[in-house]
Amino acid sequence: MNILGKRYFFFGLSLLIIIPGLVILFAGGVPLSIDFTGGSLLEVKFENRTPETSQIYAVYDKAGIEDTQVQTSDAGSYIIRSQFLQNEDRDAVLAALNENIGKAEVVRFDSVGPSIGRQVTSRGALAVTVSSLLVVLFIAWSFRGVTHAFRYGVCAILAMIHDVAIIFSFTAIGSLLWGWEIDSLFLTALLTVIGFSMQDTIVVFDRIRENSNIYRRLDFETLVNHSIVQTLQRSINTQLMTVEFLLLALAMFGGITLREFASILLIGLLSGTYSSIFIAAPILVLWENREWRTWFRKPAAA
């Protein structure tokens, strides 16, 4: 099975998925939730009534509350996002909803101040940055007996960036179709995917290291391809049997609060398995062969 012989096909497939989503993301802006921007989320359910969202907008506009967004859930409730509300502001809104629309039952109420939102953003970025640096140092130290050990760490980080880009692309498409937002659960899913992706990549690289001591005279590309084939069944079976089926069930049958989180995890873990086999190792071969030197040259005459 010559997997590495089709490496540019796998690179192109990843770009085909990543680029449209990132274009949507940057064109429409990052859909941040109140966890990052600060604000309030009020989920209410009306007894024996299904009012139009315009009626809820009218109540919030009359109260002078800005940045209001109303979304309906599968359970028949209304999820209302707005600027930061104090408890007395929430009580006033509920009183206005009861008076103008009907009796409203509070299902959920969350408020995050702007300072907390900034802390979540900065600490999330810091966690990803520090973990990336530690991974590079750990792999470089663990593979110190292999030629160009530092390359293994860099390739693992590139595979991680690939997975992060896939998740953001998928989230951008989800925000366009289903109103998804980047919240604290998104950050949890992102860090989980990074961990799984690194684990799979290190497993593949470790097999390359073992085989490099056994097959010393084998061409590097053939050696890497042989190592990928040896770990292919393990990577696919481990992911499918342990997490993917469970996440698929949660994404299909879970509630609205779990569906986005489970879907992002599902796509992210699939991408992590894919990148460890079809992205990280091929980049390592590309780097070893220095293939960029012939990318823009005309083919030699026969």
Protein backbone atom coordinates (compact mmCIF):
# COMPACT_ATOMS: atom_id res chain seq x y z
CA MET A 1 0.00 0.00 0.00
CA ASN A 2 1.78 3.13 -1.23
CA ILE A 3 0.24 5.84 0.95
CA LEU A 4 3.09 8.31 0.59
CA GLY A 5 2.90 8.13 -3.20
CA LYS A 6 -0.41 10.01 -2.95
CA ARG A 7 0.74 12.58 -0.39
CA TYR A 8 0.00 15.60 -2.57
CA PHE A 9 -3.53 14.32 -3.06
CA PHE A 10 -3.98 14.26 0.73
CA PHE A 11 -2.50 17.76 1.03
CA GLY A 12 -4.92 19.02 -1.62
CA LEU A 13 -7.88 17.32 0.08
CA SER A 14 -7.08 19.06 3.36
CA LEU A 15 -6.79 22.45 1.65
CA LEU A 16 -10.10 21.81 -0.10
CA ILE A 17 -11.75 21.46 3.32
CA ILE A 18 -9.83 24.16 5.18
CA ILE A 19 -9.85 27.08 2.72
CA PRO A 20 -13.65 27.47 2.19
CA GLY A 21 -14.32 27.35 5.93
CA LEU A 22 -11.61 29.87 6.76
CA VAL A 23 -12.90 32.19 4.02
CA ILE A 24 -16.36 32.03 5.64
CA LEU A 25 -14.82 32.59 9.06
CA PHE A 26 -12.80 35.67 8.14
CA ALA A 27 -15.47 37.12 5.84
CA GLY A 28 -18.23 36.87 8.45
CA GLY A 29 -16.08 37.36 11.53
CA VAL A 30 -15.35 34.93 14.34
CA PRO A 31 -18.67 33.86 15.93
CA LEU A 32 -17.66 34.33 19.57
CA SER A 33 -20.06 33.49 22.39
CA ILE A 34 -20.53 35.38 25.64
CA ASP A 35 -17.74 33.26 27.16
CA PHE A 36 -15.29 35.37 25.14
CA THR A 37 -17.11 38.63 24.46
CA GLY A 38 -18.95 38.95 27.76
CA GLY A 39 -22.73 39.13 28.01
CA SER A 40 -25.76 37.18 29.18
CA LEU A 41 -27.61 34.13 27.96
CA LEU A 42 -31.23 33.64 28.97
CA GLU A 43 -33.10 30.51 27.91
CA VAL A 44 -36.86 30.65 28.49
CA LYS A 45 -39.84 28.50 27.64
CA PHE A 46 -43.38 29.81 27.29
CA GLU A 47 -46.34 27.78 28.50
CA ASN A 48 -48.66 26.73 25.68
CA ARG A 49 -47.25 29.41 23.39
CA THR A 50 -44.73 29.61 20.56
CA PRO A 51 -44.27 33.35 20.00
CA GLU A 52 -42.41 34.86 17.08
CA THR A 53 -38.82 35.86 17.73
CA SER A 54 -39.76 39.40 16.66
CA GLN A 55 -41.88 39.69 19.82
CA ILE A 56 -38.88 38.87 21.99
CA TYR A 57 -36.72 41.35 20.07
CA ALA A 58 -39.38 43.99 20.69
CA VAL A 59 -39.29 43.40 24.46
CA TYR A 60 -35.50 43.69 24.58
CA ASP A 61 -35.49 46.78 22.36
CA LYS A 62 -38.06 48.46 24.58
CA ALA A 63 -35.88 47.71 27.62
CA GLY A 64 -32.87 49.29 25.86
CA ILE A 65 -30.83 46.07 25.82
CA GLU A 66 -28.38 45.85 22.92
CA ASP A 67 -26.66 43.04 20.97
CA THR A 68 -29.69 40.76 21.25
CA GLN A 69 -29.78 37.44 19.41
CA VAL A 70 -32.68 34.99 19.65
CA GLN A 71 -32.40 31.31 18.73
CA THR A 72 -34.95 28.50 19.09
CA SER A 73 -34.02 25.05 20.40
CA ASP A 74 -35.38 21.60 19.61
CA ALA A 75 -37.05 21.52 23.02
CA GLY A 76 -39.22 24.51 22.12
CA SER A 77 -37.32 27.01 24.27
CA TYR A 78 -35.82 30.34 23.22
CA ILE A 79 -32.12 31.06 23.74
CA ILE A 80 -31.60 34.83 24.06
CA ARG A 81 -28.09 36.30 24.00
CA SER A 82 -27.57 39.95 24.86
CA GLN A 83 -25.27 42.42 26.57
CA PHE A 84 -24.31 41.77 30.18
CA LEU A 85 -27.36 41.75 32.49
CA GLN A 86 -27.42 42.16 36.23
CA ASN A 87 -29.94 40.12 38.24
CA GLU A 88 -32.30 43.07 38.46
CA ASP A 89 -32.09 43.56 34.67
CA ARG A 90 -32.95 39.89 34.17
CA ASP A 91 -35.95 40.19 36.49
CA ALA A 92 -37.16 43.24 34.57
CA VAL A 93 -36.86 41.40 31.26
CA LEU A 94 -38.75 38.40 32.62
CA ALA A 95 -41.50 40.67 33.92
CA ALA A 96 -41.77 42.30 30.48
CA LEU A 97 -41.89 38.89 28.75
CA ASN A 98 -44.63 37.72 31.13
CA GLU A 99 -46.62 40.86 30.50
CA ASN A 100 -46.27 41.13 26.72
CA ILE A 101 -45.99 37.52 25.57
CA GLY A 102 -46.97 35.05 28.29
CA LYS A 103 -45.70 33.24 31.34
CA ALA A 104 -42.00 32.51 30.80
CA GLU A 105 -40.15 29.73 32.59
CA VAL A 106 -36.40 30.23 33.03
CA VAL A 107 -34.51 27.19 31.78
CA ARG A 108 -31.01 28.67 32.03
CA PHE A 109 -29.33 31.97 32.80
CA ASP A 110 -25.60 32.63 32.41
CA SER A 111 -23.69 35.89 32.61
CA VAL A 112 -20.02 36.53 31.87
CA GLY A 113 -18.35 39.87 32.38
CA PRO A 114 -16.05 41.35 29.70
CA SER A 115 -12.97 40.90 31.90
CA ILE A 116 -13.69 37.18 32.34
CA GLY A 117 -14.14 36.86 28.58
CA ARG A 118 -10.71 38.39 27.98
CA GLN A 119 -9.17 36.04 30.54
CA VAL A 120 -10.70 33.00 28.83
CA THR A 121 -9.30 34.12 25.47
CA SER A 122 -5.79 34.89 26.71
CA ARG A 123 -5.48 31.78 28.86
CA GLY A 124 -6.80 29.55 26.08
CA ALA A 125 -4.24 30.94 23.63
CA LEU A 126 -1.51 30.60 26.27
CA ALA A 127 -2.45 26.96 26.93
CA VAL A 128 -2.23 26.07 23.23
CA THR A 129 1.09 27.90 22.79
CA VAL A 130 2.77 26.39 25.85
CA SER A 131 1.56 22.87 25.04
CA SER A 132 2.89 23.20 21.48
CA LEU A 133 6.34 24.25 22.69
CA LEU A 134 6.44 21.44 25.24
CA VAL A 135 5.48 18.89 22.58
CA VAL A 136 8.31 20.03 20.28
CA LEU A 137 10.83 19.81 23.13
CA PHE A 138 9.52 16.44 24.31
CA ILE A 139 9.63 14.86 20.84
CA ALA A 140 13.06 16.33 20.10
CA TRP A 141 14.38 14.86 23.36
CA SER A 142 12.63 11.49 22.97
CA PHE A 143 13.85 11.10 19.38
CA ARG A 144 17.36 12.38 20.09
CA GLY A 145 18.88 9.16 18.75
CA VAL A 146 17.27 9.70 15.33
CA THR A 147 18.73 11.90 12.60
CA HIS A 148 17.02 15.32 12.49
CA ALA A 149 14.99 14.66 15.64
CA PHE A 150 13.78 18.27 15.73
CA ARG A 151 11.91 17.72 12.46
CA TYR A 152 9.62 15.20 14.11
CA GLY A 153 8.47 17.79 16.63
CA VAL A 154 7.91 20.45 13.97
CA CYS A 155 5.92 18.01 11.81
CA ALA A 156 3.77 17.09 14.82
CA ILE A 157 3.00 20.79 15.36
CA LEU A 158 2.13 21.23 11.67
CA ALA A 159 -0.27 18.29 11.93
CA MET A 160 -1.78 19.93 15.01
CA ILE A 161 -2.21 23.22 13.14
CA HIS A 162 -3.92 21.25 10.38
CA ASP A 163 -6.42 19.82 12.90
CA VAL A 164 -7.06 23.23 14.47
CA ALA A 165 -7.70 24.69 11.00
CA ILE A 166 -10.12 21.85 10.22
CA ILE A 167 -12.03 22.53 13.45
CA PHE A 168 -12.25 26.28 12.81
CA SER A 169 -13.33 25.63 9.21
CA PHE A 170 -16.02 23.21 10.32
CA THR A 171 -17.19 25.64 13.04
CA ALA A 172 -17.41 28.46 10.48
CA ILE A 173 -19.65 26.33 8.28
CA GLY A 174 -21.69 25.39 11.36
CA SER A 175 -22.08 29.05 12.34
CA LEU A 176 -23.39 29.80 8.86
CA LEU A 177 -25.85 26.90 8.76
CA TRP A 178 -26.84 26.32 12.39
CA GLY A 179 -25.74 29.43 14.29
CA TRP A 180 -22.80 27.82 16.12
CA GLU A 181 -20.53 29.94 18.28
CA ILE A 182 -17.05 29.60 19.73
CA ASP A 183 -17.50 29.12 23.48
CA SER A 184 -15.75 27.48 26.42
CA LEU A 185 -16.92 24.02 25.30
CA PHE A 186 -15.33 24.71 21.92
CA LEU A 187 -12.04 25.44 23.69
CA THR A 188 -12.39 22.18 25.64
CA ALA A 189 -12.99 20.24 22.41
CA LEU A 190 -10.04 21.99 20.75
CA LEU A 191 -7.60 21.07 23.53
CA THR A 192 -8.92 17.49 23.57
CA VAL A 193 -8.38 17.15 19.82
CA ILE A 194 -4.86 18.55 20.13
CA GLY A 195 -4.05 15.92 22.76
CA PHE A 196 -5.45 13.03 20.69
CA SER A 197 -3.76 14.29 17.55
CA MET A 198 -0.38 14.48 19.27
CA GLN A 199 -0.82 10.99 20.68
CA ASP A 200 -1.58 9.48 17.27
CA THR A 201 1.27 11.35 15.62
CA ILE A 202 3.77 10.23 18.25
CA VAL A 203 2.64 6.61 17.81
CA VAL A 204 3.37 6.81 14.06
CA PHE A 205 6.70 8.58 14.61
CA ASP A 206 7.70 6.07 17.26
CA ARG A 207 7.16 3.23 14.80
CA ILE A 208 9.32 5.10 12.27
CA ARG A 209 12.04 5.39 14.91
CA GLU A 210 11.85 1.66 15.71
CA ASN A 211 11.98 0.67 12.05
CA SER A 212 14.88 3.00 11.35
CA ASN A 213 16.98 0.87 13.72
CA ILE A 214 15.81 -2.36 12.08
CA TYR A 215 15.84 -1.45 8.38
CA ARG A 216 18.96 0.69 8.24
CA ARG A 217 19.53 0.33 4.50
CA LEU A 218 15.92 0.98 3.49
CA ASP A 219 15.08 4.18 1.63
CA PHE A 220 13.55 6.74 4.04
CA GLU A 221 10.30 7.14 2.10
CA THR A 222 9.82 3.37 1.91
CA LEU A 223 10.62 3.09 5.61
CA VAL A 224 8.05 5.73 6.56
CA ASN A 225 5.40 4.20 4.29
CA HIS A 226 6.00 0.77 5.86
CA SER A 227 5.66 2.30 9.35
CA ILE A 228 2.39 4.01 8.42
CA VAL A 229 0.91 0.75 7.12
CA GLN A 230 1.90 -1.00 10.35
CA THR A 231 0.07 1.59 12.50
CA LEU A 232 -2.86 2.16 10.15
CA GLN A 233 -5.14 -0.53 11.55
CA ARG A 234 -4.36 0.41 15.15
CA SER A 235 -5.11 4.10 14.59
CA ILE A 236 -8.41 3.53 12.79
CA ASN A 237 -9.70 0.81 15.11
CA THR A 238 -8.78 2.68 18.27
CA GLN A 239 -10.59 5.82 17.20
CA LEU A 240 -13.69 4.10 15.82
CA MET A 241 -14.18 1.64 18.65
CA THR A 242 -13.46 3.97 21.58
CA VAL A 243 -14.81 7.42 20.79
CA GLU A 244 -16.17 8.00 17.29
CA PHE A 245 -19.31 5.84 17.63
CA LEU A 246 -20.11 7.41 20.99
CA LEU A 247 -19.62 10.94 19.67
CA LEU A 248 -21.71 10.16 16.60
CA ALA A 249 -24.56 9.04 18.86
CA LEU A 250 -24.25 12.22 20.96
CA ALA A 251 -24.18 14.40 17.85
CA MET A 252 -27.28 12.72 16.41
CA PHE A 253 -29.40 12.24 19.53
CA GLY A 254 -27.94 14.60 22.12
CA GLY A 255 -29.56 17.87 23.12
CA ILE A 256 -28.77 21.22 21.58
CA THR A 257 -26.22 22.00 24.30
CA LEU A 258 -24.24 18.82 23.53
CA ARG A 259 -24.71 18.60 19.77
CA GLU A 260 -22.21 21.29 18.81
CA PHE A 261 -19.59 20.05 21.29
CA ALA A 262 -19.97 16.40 20.18
CA SER A 263 -19.89 17.33 16.48
CA ILE A 264 -16.70 19.38 16.87
CA LEU A 265 -15.06 16.56 18.82
CA LEU A 266 -16.19 14.03 16.21
CA ILE A 267 -14.71 15.99 13.31
CA GLY A 268 -11.61 16.96 15.28
CA LEU A 269 -10.73 13.42 16.32
CA LEU A 270 -11.29 12.15 12.79
CA SER A 271 -8.98 14.91 11.58
CA GLY A 272 -6.42 13.97 14.25
CA THR A 273 -6.32 10.37 13.05
CA TYR A 274 -6.17 11.52 9.43
CA SER A 275 -3.39 14.05 10.00
CA SER A 276 -1.14 11.66 11.91
CA ILE A 277 -1.18 9.25 8.97
CA PHE A 278 -1.69 11.39 5.87
CA ILE A 279 -0.22 14.78 6.89
CA ALA A 280 2.48 14.52 9.57
CA ALA A 281 4.46 11.60 8.13
CA PRO A 282 4.21 12.83 4.51
CA ILE A 283 5.49 16.26 5.58
CA LEU A 284 8.42 14.50 7.24
CA VAL A 285 9.23 12.76 3.94
CA LEU A 286 8.75 15.98 1.99
CA TRP A 287 11.22 17.69 4.32
CA GLU A 288 13.73 14.84 4.08
CA ASN A 289 13.61 14.88 0.26
CA ARG A 290 13.49 18.72 0.11
CA GLU A 291 10.82 18.46 -2.53
CA TRP A 292 10.13 22.20 -2.54
CA ARG A 293 13.22 22.62 -4.73
CA THR A 294 11.38 21.05 -7.69
CA TRP A 295 7.85 22.41 -7.14
CA PHE A 296 8.14 25.29 -9.60
CA ARG A 297 10.62 23.84 -12.08
CA LYS A 298 9.78 22.62 -15.52
CA PRO A 299 10.02 18.84 -15.90
CA ALA A 300 13.29 17.67 -17.42
CA ALA A 301 13.22 16.78 -21.12
CA ALA A 302 12.91 13.09 -21.85
